Amino acid sequence: MASGRKLKTHNNFERALKNKYGLGQGSKYKPWLRIQDVKSHGSRKLIYGRKTQREHHMLSSIESEHFYLAEFSDSVTDIREQFPIFPLNYTLKVAKILGVEHPKHPETKDPIIVTTDQLLTIHTPQAITYHAVSIKPKKESYDLRVQEKIDLERVCWGLLGVKFSFFTGNELTRIQKRRNRRN
C-alpha cells in the first residue's frame, strides 16, 4: 500500500487544507483521512460510491456496513467519510468546556483535527439537511475514552445545528449490508 500523508503537526494540517483534503462535495470531496494515512485494526477498503461517483475510504468493516445503508437510502445524496471538524480552535474550546482531553497525535502530542466517520447529505421535499454519524463497534462503545471523543463530536455538531448519531450496527444491518453489496 502506498505511503500515507503525515498528519502530525499544524504545518501538516495546513498543507492538507491547501491540497483540499476535507473539502468539497460529491465527486470533488477528498476525505481528511484516507486508508493509507492511518493504521487500522479492522478491514480497510475503498468502495466505489454510485451516488458520488468516487471511491470512499472506509477504515473498518462497520464503517463499510453503514456506508452501504446510506448508499442505498433514497434520501441520502452525498456521503463524506472521515469528515473534519474545523477549525482546530473550535474543537479545542469544546473539549475544554466538556472537561475532556482533546485528541492528539501519539508521537508529537500536538492536537489533531477531529473527524466524524460519515457526514450524510439528506434531501427531503422540505429541505436539505446534514447528519453526522460516528461509527464504532459495540464493544468499543463501552470504553470511556471512546465515549469522550464521541461526546466531543456530538457537542461540536450540535452547536452547528447538525443532527448527530452514534452507530454500532446490529445483526439486521449486517444482513442488509450483505444483501445490498450483491445488488
N, C-alpha and C. Protein backbone atom coordinates (compact mmCIF):
# COMPACT_ATOMS: atom_id res chain seq x y z
N MET A 1 0.84 -1.18 0.00
CA MET A 1 0.00 0.00 0.00
C MET A 1 0.89 1.24 0.00
N ALA A 2 0.49 2.25 -0.73
CA ALA A 2 1.25 3.49 -0.83
C ALA A 2 1.39 4.15 0.54
N SER A 3 2.48 4.90 0.67
CA SER A 3 2.71 5.62 1.92
C SER A 3 1.70 6.74 2.06
N GLY A 4 1.21 6.94 3.26
CA GLY A 4 0.20 7.95 3.51
C GLY A 4 0.80 9.29 3.87
N ARG A 5 -0.07 10.27 3.97
CA ARG A 5 0.33 11.61 4.40
C ARG A 5 0.62 11.57 5.89
N LYS A 6 1.53 12.39 6.31
CA LYS A 6 1.83 12.50 7.74
C LYS A 6 1.04 13.68 8.28
N LEU A 7 0.11 13.40 9.18
CA LEU A 7 -0.71 14.45 9.79
C LEU A 7 -0.35 14.56 11.27
N LYS A 8 0.88 15.01 11.52
CA LYS A 8 1.40 15.06 12.88
C LYS A 8 1.40 16.45 13.49
N THR A 9 1.51 17.48 12.64
CA THR A 9 1.70 18.83 13.15
C THR A 9 0.75 19.81 12.46
N HIS A 10 0.71 21.02 13.00
CA HIS A 10 -0.11 22.08 12.42
C HIS A 10 0.29 22.35 10.97
N ASN A 11 1.59 22.32 10.67
CA ASN A 11 2.07 22.54 9.30
C ASN A 11 1.52 21.47 8.36
N ASN A 12 1.47 20.20 8.84
CA ASN A 12 0.90 19.12 8.03
C ASN A 12 -0.58 19.39 7.75
N PHE A 13 -1.30 19.91 8.76
CA PHE A 13 -2.73 20.21 8.58
C PHE A 13 -2.91 21.31 7.53
N GLU A 14 -2.06 22.34 7.62
CA GLU A 14 -2.14 23.46 6.66
C GLU A 14 -1.90 22.95 5.23
N ARG A 15 -0.93 22.08 5.07
CA ARG A 15 -0.63 21.52 3.74
C ARG A 15 -1.81 20.69 3.23
N ALA A 16 -2.42 19.90 4.11
CA ALA A 16 -3.58 19.09 3.71
C ALA A 16 -4.74 19.98 3.28
N LEU A 17 -4.98 21.05 4.02
CA LEU A 17 -6.04 22.01 3.64
C LEU A 17 -5.74 22.67 2.30
N LYS A 18 -4.50 23.05 2.09
CA LYS A 18 -4.09 23.67 0.83
C LYS A 18 -4.37 22.72 -0.34
N ASN A 19 -4.21 21.41 -0.09
CA ASN A 19 -4.46 20.40 -1.12
C ASN A 19 -5.92 19.93 -1.14
N LYS A 20 -6.77 20.65 -0.42
CA LYS A 20 -8.22 20.47 -0.41
C LYS A 20 -8.71 19.17 0.22
N TYR A 21 -7.93 18.59 1.15
CA TYR A 21 -8.42 17.43 1.90
C TYR A 21 -9.44 17.92 2.91
N GLY A 22 -10.54 17.17 3.03
CA GLY A 22 -11.61 17.54 3.94
C GLY A 22 -12.57 18.55 3.36
N LEU A 23 -12.39 18.87 2.08
CA LEU A 23 -13.23 19.88 1.44
C LEU A 23 -13.93 19.28 0.22
N GLY A 24 -14.99 19.96 -0.23
CA GLY A 24 -15.70 19.54 -1.43
C GLY A 24 -16.94 18.73 -1.12
N GLN A 25 -17.64 18.40 -2.19
CA GLN A 25 -18.86 17.59 -2.08
C GLN A 25 -18.87 16.60 -3.25
N GLY A 26 -19.70 15.57 -3.10
CA GLY A 26 -19.87 14.60 -4.19
C GLY A 26 -18.55 14.08 -4.70
N SER A 27 -18.38 14.07 -6.02
CA SER A 27 -17.17 13.52 -6.63
C SER A 27 -15.93 14.36 -6.32
N LYS A 28 -16.12 15.60 -5.88
CA LYS A 28 -14.99 16.51 -5.61
C LYS A 28 -14.47 16.42 -4.17
N TYR A 29 -15.17 15.68 -3.31
CA TYR A 29 -14.76 15.59 -1.90
C TYR A 29 -13.50 14.73 -1.76
N LYS A 30 -12.56 15.19 -0.94
CA LYS A 30 -11.36 14.43 -0.59
C LYS A 30 -11.37 14.22 0.92
N PRO A 31 -11.49 12.96 1.40
CA PRO A 31 -11.55 12.73 2.85
C PRO A 31 -10.28 13.21 3.55
N TRP A 32 -10.48 13.72 4.77
CA TRP A 32 -9.35 14.19 5.57
C TRP A 32 -8.36 13.06 5.81
N LEU A 33 -8.89 11.88 6.13
CA LEU A 33 -8.06 10.69 6.32
C LEU A 33 -8.39 9.68 5.24
N ARG A 34 -7.35 9.08 4.68
CA ARG A 34 -7.53 8.02 3.69
C ARG A 34 -7.00 6.72 4.27
N ILE A 35 -7.33 5.62 3.63
CA ILE A 35 -6.92 4.32 4.19
C ILE A 35 -5.41 4.20 4.32
N GLN A 36 -4.65 4.84 3.45
CA GLN A 36 -3.19 4.76 3.53
C GLN A 36 -2.60 5.71 4.57
N ASP A 37 -3.43 6.58 5.14
CA ASP A 37 -2.92 7.57 6.11
C ASP A 37 -2.93 7.09 7.55
N VAL A 38 -3.69 6.07 7.85
CA VAL A 38 -3.83 5.63 9.25
C VAL A 38 -3.67 4.12 9.37
N LYS A 39 -3.19 3.74 10.54
CA LYS A 39 -3.13 2.31 10.85
C LYS A 39 -4.52 1.90 11.32
N SER A 40 -4.93 0.71 10.95
CA SER A 40 -6.26 0.26 11.33
C SER A 40 -6.20 -1.17 11.83
N HIS A 41 -7.02 -1.46 12.84
CA HIS A 41 -7.12 -2.82 13.35
C HIS A 41 -8.15 -3.61 12.56
N GLY A 42 -9.04 -2.92 11.90
CA GLY A 42 -10.12 -3.56 11.15
C GLY A 42 -9.75 -3.73 9.70
N SER A 43 -10.75 -3.99 8.90
CA SER A 43 -10.52 -4.17 7.47
C SER A 43 -10.78 -2.85 6.76
N ARG A 44 -9.74 -2.31 6.17
CA ARG A 44 -9.85 -1.06 5.42
C ARG A 44 -10.18 -1.40 3.98
N LYS A 45 -10.96 -0.53 3.35
CA LYS A 45 -11.24 -0.77 1.93
C LYS A 45 -11.72 0.48 1.25
N LEU A 46 -11.52 0.48 -0.05
CA LEU A 46 -12.07 1.52 -0.92
C LEU A 46 -13.35 0.97 -1.51
N ILE A 47 -14.42 1.77 -1.45
CA ILE A 47 -15.71 1.36 -2.02
C ILE A 47 -16.15 2.44 -2.99
N TYR A 48 -16.45 2.03 -4.20
CA TYR A 48 -16.92 3.00 -5.20
C TYR A 48 -18.36 3.37 -4.89
N GLY A 49 -18.63 4.66 -4.76
CA GLY A 49 -19.97 5.15 -4.47
C GLY A 49 -20.71 5.50 -5.75
N ARG A 50 -21.86 4.92 -5.94
CA ARG A 50 -22.68 5.22 -7.12
C ARG A 50 -23.19 6.66 -7.09
N LYS A 51 -23.56 7.12 -5.90
CA LYS A 51 -24.12 8.47 -5.78
C LYS A 51 -23.07 9.54 -6.01
N THR A 52 -21.89 9.32 -5.49
CA THR A 52 -20.84 10.35 -5.55
C THR A 52 -19.90 10.17 -6.73
N GLN A 53 -19.90 8.99 -7.32
CA GLN A 53 -19.00 8.71 -8.45
C GLN A 53 -17.53 8.85 -8.05
N ARG A 54 -17.22 8.35 -6.85
CA ARG A 54 -15.82 8.36 -6.39
C ARG A 54 -15.60 7.21 -5.42
N GLU A 55 -14.35 6.94 -5.13
CA GLU A 55 -14.02 5.91 -4.15
C GLU A 55 -14.10 6.50 -2.75
N HIS A 56 -14.69 5.73 -1.83
CA HIS A 56 -14.83 6.13 -0.43
C HIS A 56 -13.84 5.32 0.39
N HIS A 57 -13.21 5.98 1.36
CA HIS A 57 -12.20 5.35 2.21
C HIS A 57 -12.84 4.88 3.52
N MET A 58 -13.02 3.58 3.67
CA MET A 58 -13.61 3.01 4.87
C MET A 58 -12.50 2.41 5.71
N LEU A 59 -12.44 2.83 6.98
CA LEU A 59 -11.35 2.40 7.86
C LEU A 59 -11.70 1.16 8.68
N SER A 60 -12.92 0.66 8.56
CA SER A 60 -13.32 -0.55 9.29
C SER A 60 -14.51 -1.20 8.59
N SER A 61 -14.77 -2.44 8.93
CA SER A 61 -15.91 -3.13 8.31
C SER A 61 -17.24 -2.51 8.74
N ILE A 62 -17.31 -1.99 9.96
CA ILE A 62 -18.57 -1.38 10.41
C ILE A 62 -18.82 -0.05 9.70
N GLU A 63 -17.75 0.68 9.34
CA GLU A 63 -17.93 1.88 8.51
C GLU A 63 -18.47 1.47 7.13
N SER A 64 -17.95 0.39 6.59
CA SER A 64 -18.45 -0.11 5.30
C SER A 64 -19.92 -0.48 5.41
N GLU A 65 -20.27 -1.12 6.52
CA GLU A 65 -21.65 -1.52 6.78
C GLU A 65 -22.58 -0.30 6.74
N HIS A 66 -22.20 0.75 7.44
CA HIS A 66 -23.04 1.95 7.46
C HIS A 66 -23.05 2.63 6.09
N PHE A 67 -21.91 2.61 5.40
CA PHE A 67 -21.85 3.21 4.06
C PHE A 67 -22.89 2.57 3.14
N TYR A 68 -22.96 1.25 3.14
CA TYR A 68 -23.92 0.57 2.26
C TYR A 68 -25.36 0.95 2.61
N LEU A 69 -25.65 1.09 3.88
CA LEU A 69 -27.01 1.51 4.28
C LEU A 69 -27.31 2.91 3.74
N ALA A 70 -26.35 3.83 3.87
CA ALA A 70 -26.55 5.19 3.37
C ALA A 70 -26.59 5.22 1.84
N GLU A 71 -25.74 4.45 1.20
CA GLU A 71 -25.67 4.42 -0.27
C GLU A 71 -27.00 3.99 -0.88
N PHE A 72 -27.71 3.11 -0.21
CA PHE A 72 -28.97 2.61 -0.76
C PHE A 72 -30.20 3.29 -0.16
N SER A 73 -29.99 4.38 0.56
CA SER A 73 -31.11 5.17 1.07
C SER A 73 -31.45 6.23 0.03
N ASP A 74 -32.71 6.30 -0.35
CA ASP A 74 -33.14 7.26 -1.38
C ASP A 74 -32.92 8.71 -0.97
N SER A 75 -33.01 9.00 0.32
CA SER A 75 -32.90 10.40 0.76
C SER A 75 -31.46 10.88 0.90
N VAL A 76 -30.50 9.98 0.97
CA VAL A 76 -29.09 10.36 1.10
C VAL A 76 -28.53 10.64 -0.28
N THR A 77 -28.00 11.86 -0.47
CA THR A 77 -27.46 12.22 -1.78
C THR A 77 -25.94 12.38 -1.79
N ASP A 78 -25.33 12.45 -0.62
CA ASP A 78 -23.87 12.55 -0.55
C ASP A 78 -23.40 11.91 0.75
N ILE A 79 -22.27 11.23 0.67
CA ILE A 79 -21.65 10.60 1.83
C ILE A 79 -20.20 11.07 1.85
N ARG A 80 -19.84 11.81 2.91
CA ARG A 80 -18.46 12.28 3.04
C ARG A 80 -17.85 11.62 4.27
N GLU A 81 -16.90 10.75 4.03
CA GLU A 81 -16.28 9.99 5.10
C GLU A 81 -15.06 10.71 5.65
N GLN A 82 -14.72 10.38 6.91
CA GLN A 82 -13.57 10.98 7.59
C GLN A 82 -13.63 12.50 7.45
N PHE A 83 -14.80 13.04 7.81
CA PHE A 83 -15.07 14.46 7.62
C PHE A 83 -14.50 15.27 8.79
N PRO A 84 -13.66 16.26 8.51
CA PRO A 84 -13.02 17.05 9.57
C PRO A 84 -13.95 18.09 10.18
N ILE A 85 -13.78 18.32 11.46
CA ILE A 85 -14.49 19.40 12.13
C ILE A 85 -13.49 20.53 12.29
N PHE A 86 -13.69 21.59 11.53
CA PHE A 86 -12.80 22.75 11.53
C PHE A 86 -13.45 23.90 12.26
N PRO A 87 -12.70 24.87 12.73
CA PRO A 87 -11.25 24.88 12.86
C PRO A 87 -10.82 24.13 14.11
N LEU A 88 -9.54 23.87 14.19
CA LEU A 88 -8.98 23.17 15.35
C LEU A 88 -9.30 23.91 16.64
N ASN A 89 -9.27 25.25 16.62
CA ASN A 89 -9.59 26.03 17.83
C ASN A 89 -10.98 25.72 18.35
N TYR A 90 -11.92 25.46 17.44
CA TYR A 90 -13.30 25.15 17.82
C TYR A 90 -13.36 23.88 18.65
N THR A 91 -12.75 22.79 18.15
CA THR A 91 -12.81 21.52 18.89
C THR A 91 -11.99 21.61 20.18
N LEU A 92 -10.91 22.39 20.16
CA LEU A 92 -10.12 22.57 21.39
C LEU A 92 -10.97 23.26 22.47
N LYS A 93 -11.71 24.29 22.09
CA LYS A 93 -12.56 25.00 23.06
C LYS A 93 -13.68 24.11 23.59
N VAL A 94 -14.31 23.35 22.70
CA VAL A 94 -15.39 22.46 23.13
C VAL A 94 -14.86 21.39 24.08
N ALA A 95 -13.70 20.83 23.76
CA ALA A 95 -13.10 19.81 24.65
C ALA A 95 -12.82 20.41 26.03
N LYS A 96 -12.32 21.63 26.05
CA LYS A 96 -12.03 22.29 27.33
C LYS A 96 -13.31 22.49 28.13
N ILE A 97 -14.37 22.96 27.47
CA ILE A 97 -15.65 23.17 28.15
C ILE A 97 -16.20 21.85 28.70
N LEU A 98 -16.05 20.78 27.92
CA LEU A 98 -16.54 19.45 28.36
C LEU A 98 -15.65 18.84 29.43
N GLY A 99 -14.44 19.36 29.56
CA GLY A 99 -13.51 18.80 30.55
C GLY A 99 -12.91 17.49 30.10
N VAL A 100 -12.74 17.32 28.77
CA VAL A 100 -12.13 16.10 28.24
C VAL A 100 -10.85 16.47 27.49
N GLU A 101 -9.95 15.52 27.42
CA GLU A 101 -8.70 15.74 26.71
C GLU A 101 -8.97 15.72 25.21
N HIS A 102 -8.47 16.73 24.52
CA HIS A 102 -8.62 16.79 23.06
C HIS A 102 -7.73 15.71 22.43
N PRO A 103 -8.19 15.04 21.39
CA PRO A 103 -7.34 14.04 20.73
C PRO A 103 -6.03 14.68 20.25
N LYS A 104 -4.94 13.92 20.40
CA LYS A 104 -3.64 14.41 19.97
C LYS A 104 -2.87 13.30 19.29
N HIS A 105 -1.87 13.70 18.53
CA HIS A 105 -1.06 12.73 17.81
C HIS A 105 -0.20 11.96 18.83
N PRO A 106 -0.13 10.63 18.69
CA PRO A 106 0.61 9.85 19.69
C PRO A 106 2.11 10.14 19.75
N GLU A 107 2.71 10.57 18.64
CA GLU A 107 4.15 10.86 18.64
C GLU A 107 4.45 12.30 19.05
N THR A 108 3.81 13.26 18.38
CA THR A 108 4.14 14.67 18.61
C THR A 108 3.40 15.25 19.81
N LYS A 109 2.31 14.62 20.19
CA LYS A 109 1.44 15.11 21.27
C LYS A 109 0.73 16.42 20.91
N ASP A 110 0.82 16.82 19.64
CA ASP A 110 0.09 18.00 19.16
C ASP A 110 -1.38 17.64 18.98
N PRO A 111 -2.29 18.59 19.21
CA PRO A 111 -3.70 18.31 18.96
C PRO A 111 -3.93 18.02 17.47
N ILE A 112 -4.83 17.09 17.20
CA ILE A 112 -5.13 16.72 15.81
C ILE A 112 -6.53 17.19 15.43
N ILE A 113 -6.79 17.18 14.14
CA ILE A 113 -8.11 17.53 13.64
C ILE A 113 -9.06 16.39 13.98
N VAL A 114 -10.19 16.72 14.60
CA VAL A 114 -11.22 15.73 14.94
C VAL A 114 -12.01 15.45 13.67
N THR A 115 -12.25 14.17 13.41
CA THR A 115 -13.06 13.80 12.24
C THR A 115 -14.28 13.00 12.68
N THR A 116 -15.30 13.08 11.85
CA THR A 116 -16.51 12.27 12.03
C THR A 116 -16.50 11.23 10.93
N ASP A 117 -16.88 10.01 11.27
CA ASP A 117 -16.79 8.90 10.33
C ASP A 117 -17.54 9.16 9.03
N GLN A 118 -18.77 9.65 9.11
CA GLN A 118 -19.53 9.93 7.89
C GLN A 118 -20.44 11.14 8.11
N LEU A 119 -20.43 12.04 7.13
CA LEU A 119 -21.37 13.16 7.11
C LEU A 119 -22.27 12.94 5.90
N LEU A 120 -23.56 12.76 6.18
CA LEU A 120 -24.54 12.49 5.12
C LEU A 120 -25.27 13.76 4.74
N THR A 121 -25.53 13.93 3.46
CA THR A 121 -26.39 15.00 2.98
C THR A 121 -27.73 14.36 2.68
N ILE A 122 -28.78 14.87 3.32
CA ILE A 122 -30.12 14.30 3.20
C ILE A 122 -31.02 15.28 2.45
N HIS A 123 -31.63 14.81 1.37
CA HIS A 123 -32.59 15.62 0.61
C HIS A 123 -33.99 15.10 0.91
N THR A 124 -34.85 15.99 1.39
CA THR A 124 -36.27 15.67 1.57
C THR A 124 -37.05 16.74 0.80
N PRO A 125 -38.34 16.53 0.59
CA PRO A 125 -39.13 17.57 -0.09
C PRO A 125 -39.10 18.91 0.65
N GLN A 126 -38.90 18.88 1.94
CA GLN A 126 -38.90 20.11 2.73
C GLN A 126 -37.56 20.85 2.74
N ALA A 127 -36.44 20.10 2.73
CA ALA A 127 -35.15 20.77 2.91
C ALA A 127 -33.98 19.83 2.62
N ILE A 128 -32.81 20.44 2.57
CA ILE A 128 -31.55 19.70 2.54
C ILE A 128 -30.98 19.82 3.95
N THR A 129 -30.67 18.68 4.57
CA THR A 129 -30.10 18.69 5.92
C THR A 129 -28.85 17.81 5.93
N TYR A 130 -28.14 17.89 7.05
CA TYR A 130 -26.93 17.09 7.22
C TYR A 130 -27.07 16.23 8.46
N HIS A 131 -26.41 15.08 8.41
CA HIS A 131 -26.48 14.13 9.52
C HIS A 131 -25.07 13.56 9.71
N ALA A 132 -24.45 13.90 10.83
CA ALA A 132 -23.12 13.39 11.16
C ALA A 132 -23.27 12.08 11.92
N VAL A 133 -22.44 11.09 11.56
CA VAL A 133 -22.55 9.77 12.19
C VAL A 133 -21.17 9.30 12.64
N SER A 134 -21.06 9.01 13.93
CA SER A 134 -19.87 8.39 14.48
C SER A 134 -20.13 6.88 14.49
N ILE A 135 -19.17 6.12 14.00
CA ILE A 135 -19.38 4.68 13.80
C ILE A 135 -18.31 3.90 14.55
N LYS A 136 -18.74 3.07 15.48
CA LYS A 136 -17.80 2.26 16.27
C LYS A 136 -18.43 0.89 16.53
N PRO A 137 -17.61 -0.15 16.62
CA PRO A 137 -18.15 -1.46 17.03
C PRO A 137 -18.70 -1.37 18.45
N LYS A 138 -19.74 -2.13 18.71
CA LYS A 138 -20.41 -2.07 20.02
C LYS A 138 -19.43 -2.28 21.18
N LYS A 139 -18.49 -3.20 21.02
CA LYS A 139 -17.55 -3.49 22.12
C LYS A 139 -16.68 -2.29 22.46
N GLU A 140 -16.38 -1.41 21.48
CA GLU A 140 -15.59 -0.21 21.76
C GLU A 140 -16.41 0.87 22.44
N SER A 141 -17.72 0.82 22.29
CA SER A 141 -18.57 1.90 22.81
C SER A 141 -18.60 1.95 24.34
N TYR A 142 -18.07 0.94 25.00
CA TYR A 142 -18.05 0.93 26.47
C TYR A 142 -16.79 1.59 27.03
N ASP A 143 -15.81 1.87 26.16
CA ASP A 143 -14.56 2.48 26.57
C ASP A 143 -14.78 3.96 26.88
N LEU A 144 -14.35 4.42 28.03
CA LEU A 144 -14.57 5.81 28.46
C LEU A 144 -13.94 6.81 27.49
N ARG A 145 -12.74 6.54 27.02
CA ARG A 145 -12.08 7.48 26.10
C ARG A 145 -12.84 7.58 24.77
N VAL A 146 -13.33 6.46 24.28
CA VAL A 146 -14.15 6.47 23.06
C VAL A 146 -15.41 7.30 23.30
N GLN A 147 -16.03 7.13 24.46
CA GLN A 147 -17.24 7.90 24.79
C GLN A 147 -16.94 9.40 24.85
N GLU A 148 -15.78 9.77 25.39
CA GLU A 148 -15.41 11.18 25.46
C GLU A 148 -15.25 11.78 24.06
N LYS A 149 -14.59 11.04 23.16
CA LYS A 149 -14.40 11.53 21.79
C LYS A 149 -15.74 11.65 21.06
N ILE A 150 -16.62 10.67 21.25
CA ILE A 150 -17.94 10.73 20.61
C ILE A 150 -18.73 11.92 21.15
N ASP A 151 -18.62 12.16 22.46
CA ASP A 151 -19.32 13.30 23.06
C ASP A 151 -18.78 14.62 22.50
N LEU A 152 -17.48 14.69 22.29
CA LEU A 152 -16.88 15.88 21.69
C LEU A 152 -17.48 16.12 20.30
N GLU A 153 -17.56 15.08 19.49
CA GLU A 153 -18.17 15.20 18.16
C GLU A 153 -19.63 15.64 18.28
N ARG A 154 -20.36 14.99 19.17
CA ARG A 154 -21.80 15.26 19.34
C ARG A 154 -22.04 16.73 19.67
N VAL A 155 -21.28 17.26 20.62
CA VAL A 155 -21.46 18.65 21.02
C VAL A 155 -21.04 19.59 19.89
N CYS A 156 -19.93 19.31 19.24
CA CYS A 156 -19.48 20.16 18.12
C CYS A 156 -20.55 20.24 17.03
N TRP A 157 -21.09 19.10 16.64
CA TRP A 157 -22.12 19.10 15.59
C TRP A 157 -23.40 19.76 16.09
N GLY A 158 -23.76 19.49 17.33
CA GLY A 158 -24.98 20.09 17.88
C GLY A 158 -24.92 21.61 17.89
N LEU A 159 -23.77 22.16 18.24
CA LEU A 159 -23.60 23.62 18.25
C LEU A 159 -23.70 24.19 16.83
N LEU A 160 -23.40 23.37 15.84
CA LEU A 160 -23.51 23.79 14.45
C LEU A 160 -24.90 23.53 13.86
N GLY A 161 -25.79 22.93 14.68
CA GLY A 161 -27.15 22.66 14.22
C GLY A 161 -27.27 21.45 13.33
N VAL A 162 -26.31 20.53 13.43
CA VAL A 162 -26.30 19.32 12.61
C VAL A 162 -26.69 18.12 13.47
N LYS A 163 -27.63 17.32 12.96
CA LYS A 163 -28.04 16.10 13.65
C LYS A 163 -26.84 15.17 13.78
N PHE A 164 -26.74 14.49 14.94
CA PHE A 164 -25.63 13.59 15.20
C PHE A 164 -26.16 12.27 15.70
N SER A 165 -25.58 11.18 15.21
CA SER A 165 -25.95 9.84 15.68
C SER A 165 -24.69 9.02 15.91
N PHE A 166 -24.88 7.99 16.73
CA PHE A 166 -23.82 7.03 17.01
C PHE A 166 -24.31 5.68 16.51
N PHE A 167 -23.53 5.03 15.63
CA PHE A 167 -23.93 3.77 15.01
C PHE A 167 -23.00 2.65 15.45
N THR A 168 -23.59 1.57 15.98
CA THR A 168 -22.81 0.39 16.35
C THR A 168 -23.17 -0.82 15.52
N GLY A 169 -24.22 -0.69 14.70
CA GLY A 169 -24.64 -1.82 13.88
C GLY A 169 -25.34 -2.88 14.70
N ASN A 170 -25.92 -3.82 14.01
CA ASN A 170 -26.54 -4.98 14.64
C ASN A 170 -26.69 -6.07 13.59
N GLU A 171 -27.22 -7.20 13.95
CA GLU A 171 -27.32 -8.31 13.00
C GLU A 171 -28.17 -7.94 11.79
N LEU A 172 -29.24 -7.20 11.98
CA LEU A 172 -30.10 -6.80 10.86
C LEU A 172 -29.34 -5.93 9.86
N THR A 173 -28.54 -4.96 10.35
CA THR A 173 -27.81 -4.11 9.43
C THR A 173 -26.71 -4.88 8.71
N ARG A 174 -26.11 -5.89 9.37
CA ARG A 174 -25.11 -6.70 8.71
C ARG A 174 -25.75 -7.52 7.59
N ILE A 175 -26.96 -8.03 7.81
CA ILE A 175 -27.67 -8.77 6.76
C ILE A 175 -28.02 -7.84 5.60
N GLN A 176 -28.50 -6.63 5.91
CA GLN A 176 -28.83 -5.66 4.87
C GLN A 176 -27.59 -5.29 4.06
N LYS A 177 -26.47 -5.13 4.73
CA LYS A 177 -25.23 -4.78 4.03
C LYS A 177 -24.86 -5.88 3.05
N ARG A 178 -24.93 -7.14 3.47
CA ARG A 178 -24.59 -8.26 2.59
C ARG A 178 -25.54 -8.29 1.40
N ARG A 179 -26.80 -8.07 1.65
CA ARG A 179 -27.81 -8.08 0.58
C ARG A 179 -27.56 -6.92 -0.40
N ASN A 180 -27.30 -5.72 0.11
CA ASN A 180 -27.07 -4.56 -0.76
C ASN A 180 -25.79 -4.71 -1.58
N ARG A 181 -24.76 -5.32 -1.00
CA ARG A 181 -23.49 -5.48 -1.71
C ARG A 181 -23.66 -6.36 -2.93
N ARG A 182 -24.60 -7.30 -2.88
CA ARG A 182 -24.82 -8.21 -4.00
C ARG A 182 -25.59 -7.55 -5.13
N ASN A 183 -26.32 -6.47 -4.85
CA ASN A 183 -27.14 -5.82 -5.90
C ASN A 183 -26.31 -4.98 -6.83
